[in-house]
Amino acid sequence: MAPPARPVGCADCLSRGWSWVRLRRCVTCGAVGCCDSSRGAHAYDHHLTSGHPVVLSLAPGEDWAWCFADEVFLVRSGGSRSRTPRR
């Protein structure tokens, strides 16, 4: 039997009944949090509490990562920079 699927969304927002703008996934541990434009900014909170520096955008059409520690925007090789990043 397969393990139950993780909820698709920011767990901290879901537990509070909040919505979010965009989602980010921690490269180090896979935790999913909401972006800085969201009410909770939980991806950044995760970085502060864990020290994990890099998140990937989970938004459709966005193929980039952000390093909170160095404030560096990372684009995958062959990716498009046509969209403005939101941490």
C-alpha atoms as a PDB file:
ATOM      1  CA  MET A   1       0.000   0.000   0.000  1.00  0.00           C
ATOM      2  CA  ALA A   2       1.353   3.449  -0.963  1.00  0.00           C
ATOM      3  CA  PRO A   3       1.788   6.106   1.728  1.00  0.00           C
ATOM      4  CA  PRO A   4      -0.873   8.823   1.758  1.00  0.00           C
ATOM      5  CA  ALA A   5      -0.142  11.713  -0.597  1.00  0.00           C
ATOM      6  CA  ARG A   6       1.095  14.916   0.980  1.00  0.00           C
ATOM      7  CA  PRO A   7      -1.388  17.752   0.637  1.00  0.00           C
ATOM      8  CA  VAL A   8      -0.701  19.957  -2.353  1.00  0.00           C
ATOM      9  CA  GLY A   9      -0.366  23.313  -0.679  1.00  0.00           C
ATOM     10  CA  CYS A  10       1.257  25.179   2.145  1.00  0.00           C
ATOM     11  CA  ALA A  11       0.664  23.043   5.244  1.00  0.00           C
ATOM     12  CA  ASP A  12       0.938  26.066   7.566  1.00  0.00           C
ATOM     13  CA  CYS A  13      -1.680  27.983   5.555  1.00  0.00           C
ATOM     14  CA  LEU A  14      -3.930  24.925   5.261  1.00  0.00           C
ATOM     15  CA  SER A  15      -3.861  24.453   9.043  1.00  0.00           C
ATOM     16  CA  ARG A  16      -5.002  28.076   9.511  1.00  0.00           C
ATOM     17  CA  GLY A  17      -7.577  28.084   6.710  1.00  0.00           C
ATOM     18  CA  TRP A  18      -5.547  30.656   4.744  1.00  0.00           C
ATOM     19  CA  SER A  19      -4.955  30.804   1.004  1.00  0.00           C
ATOM     20  CA  TRP A  20      -1.629  31.526  -0.703  1.00  0.00           C
ATOM     21  CA  VAL A  21      -0.352  33.208  -3.864  1.00  0.00           C
ATOM     22  CA  ARG A  22       2.378  30.787  -5.010  1.00  0.00           C
ATOM     23  CA  LEU A  23       4.123  27.760  -3.553  1.00  0.00           C
ATOM     24  CA  ARG A  24       7.817  27.020  -3.060  1.00  0.00           C
ATOM     25  CA  ARG A  25       9.526  23.668  -2.315  1.00  0.00           C
ATOM     26  CA  CYS A  26      12.657  23.458  -0.160  1.00  0.00           C
ATOM     27  CA  VAL A  27      15.484  21.819  -2.113  1.00  0.00           C
ATOM     28  CA  THR A  28      17.012  20.408   1.079  1.00  0.00           C
ATOM     29  CA  CYS A  29      14.033  18.636   2.678  1.00  0.00           C
ATOM     30  CA  GLY A  30      11.057  18.988   0.306  1.00  0.00           C
ATOM     31  CA  ALA A  31       8.921  21.120   2.655  1.00  0.00           C
ATOM     32  CA  VAL A  32       6.326  23.162   0.766  1.00  0.00           C
ATOM     33  CA  GLY A  33       5.581  26.724   1.850  1.00  0.00           C
ATOM     34  CA  CYS A  34       3.963  29.819   0.431  1.00  0.00           C
ATOM     35  CA  CYS A  35       5.867  32.698  -1.191  1.00  0.00           C
ATOM     36  CA  ASP A  36       6.640  36.098   0.332  1.00  0.00           C
ATOM     37  CA  SER A  37       3.614  37.594  -1.458  1.00  0.00           C
ATOM     38  CA  SER A  38       1.362  35.238   0.512  1.00  0.00           C
ATOM     39  CA  ARG A  39      -0.078  36.121   3.908  1.00  0.00           C
ATOM     40  CA  GLY A  40       2.149  33.716   5.823  1.00  0.00           C
ATOM     41  CA  ALA A  41       5.410  33.834   3.800  1.00  0.00           C
ATOM     42  CA  HIS A  42       5.966  30.302   5.126  1.00  0.00           C
ATOM     43  CA  ALA A  43       8.738  29.350   2.665  1.00  0.00           C
ATOM     44  CA  TYR A  44      10.848  32.188   4.090  1.00  0.00           C
ATOM     45  CA  ASP A  45       9.858  31.191   7.644  1.00  0.00           C
ATOM     46  CA  HIS A  46      11.063  27.666   6.856  1.00  0.00           C
ATOM     47  CA  HIS A  47      14.404  29.079   5.703  1.00  0.00           C
ATOM     48  CA  LEU A  48      14.765  31.110   8.928  1.00  0.00           C
ATOM     49  CA  THR A  49      13.988  28.191  11.243  1.00  0.00           C
ATOM     50  CA  SER A  50      15.782  25.421   9.314  1.00  0.00           C
ATOM     51  CA  GLY A  51      18.661  27.231   7.656  1.00  0.00           C
ATOM     52  CA  HIS A  52      17.741  25.598   4.351  1.00  0.00           C
ATOM     53  CA  PRO A  53      18.609  28.274   1.784  1.00  0.00           C
ATOM     54  CA  VAL A  54      17.147  27.268  -1.604  1.00  0.00           C
ATOM     55  CA  VAL A  55      13.537  26.894  -2.784  1.00  0.00           C
ATOM     56  CA  LEU A  56      12.101  25.903  -6.161  1.00  0.00           C
ATOM     57  CA  SER A  57       9.034  27.567  -7.595  1.00  0.00           C
ATOM     58  CA  LEU A  58       6.088  25.184  -7.918  1.00  0.00           C
ATOM     59  CA  ALA A  59       4.042  27.579 -10.056  1.00  0.00           C
ATOM     60  CA  PRO A  60       3.158  26.329 -13.543  1.00  0.00           C
ATOM     61  CA  GLY A  61       5.412  27.907 -16.143  1.00  0.00           C
ATOM     62  CA  GLU A  62       8.059  28.957 -13.601  1.00  0.00           C
ATOM     63  CA  ASP A  63      11.327  27.027 -13.833  1.00  0.00           C
ATOM     64  CA  TRP A  64      13.607  28.725 -11.318  1.00  0.00           C
ATOM     65  CA  ALA A  65      14.965  28.637  -7.783  1.00  0.00           C
ATOM     66  CA  TRP A  66      15.731  31.287  -5.159  1.00  0.00           C
ATOM     67  CA  CYS A  67      18.509  31.300  -2.579  1.00  0.00           C
ATOM     68  CA  PHE A  68      17.353  33.195   0.515  1.00  0.00           C
ATOM     69  CA  ALA A  69      20.832  33.220   2.077  1.00  0.00           C
ATOM     70  CA  ASP A  70      22.550  34.860  -0.892  1.00  0.00           C
ATOM     71  CA  GLU A  71      19.476  36.560  -2.409  1.00  0.00           C
ATOM     72  CA  VAL A  72      20.288  34.950  -5.746  1.00  0.00           C
ATOM     73  CA  PHE A  73      17.771  34.049  -8.434  1.00  0.00           C
ATOM     74  CA  LEU A  74      18.704  30.766 -10.179  1.00  0.00           C
ATOM     75  CA  VAL A  75      17.430  29.709 -13.612  1.00  0.00           C
ATOM     76  CA  ARG A  76      17.767  26.120 -14.761  1.00  0.00           C
ATOM     77  CA  SER A  77      19.775  25.613 -17.914  1.00  0.00           C
ATOM     78  CA  GLY A  78      17.463  26.130 -20.879  1.00  0.00           C
ATOM     79  CA  GLY A  79      14.820  27.814 -18.678  1.00  0.00           C
ATOM     80  CA  SER A  80      13.006  31.004 -19.558  1.00  0.00           C
ATOM     81  CA  ARG A  81      13.472  34.278 -17.666  1.00  0.00           C
ATOM     82  CA  SER A  82      10.336  35.791 -19.158  1.00  0.00           C
ATOM     83  CA  ARG A  83       8.477  35.847 -15.838  1.00  0.00           C
ATOM     84  CA  THR A  84       9.267  37.987 -12.840  1.00  0.00           C
ATOM     85  CA  PRO A  85      10.274  35.863  -9.828  1.00  0.00           C
ATOM     86  CA  ARG A  86       8.414  36.057  -6.538  1.00  0.00           C
ATOM     87  CA  ARG A  87      10.186  34.625  -3.530  1.00  0.00           C
END
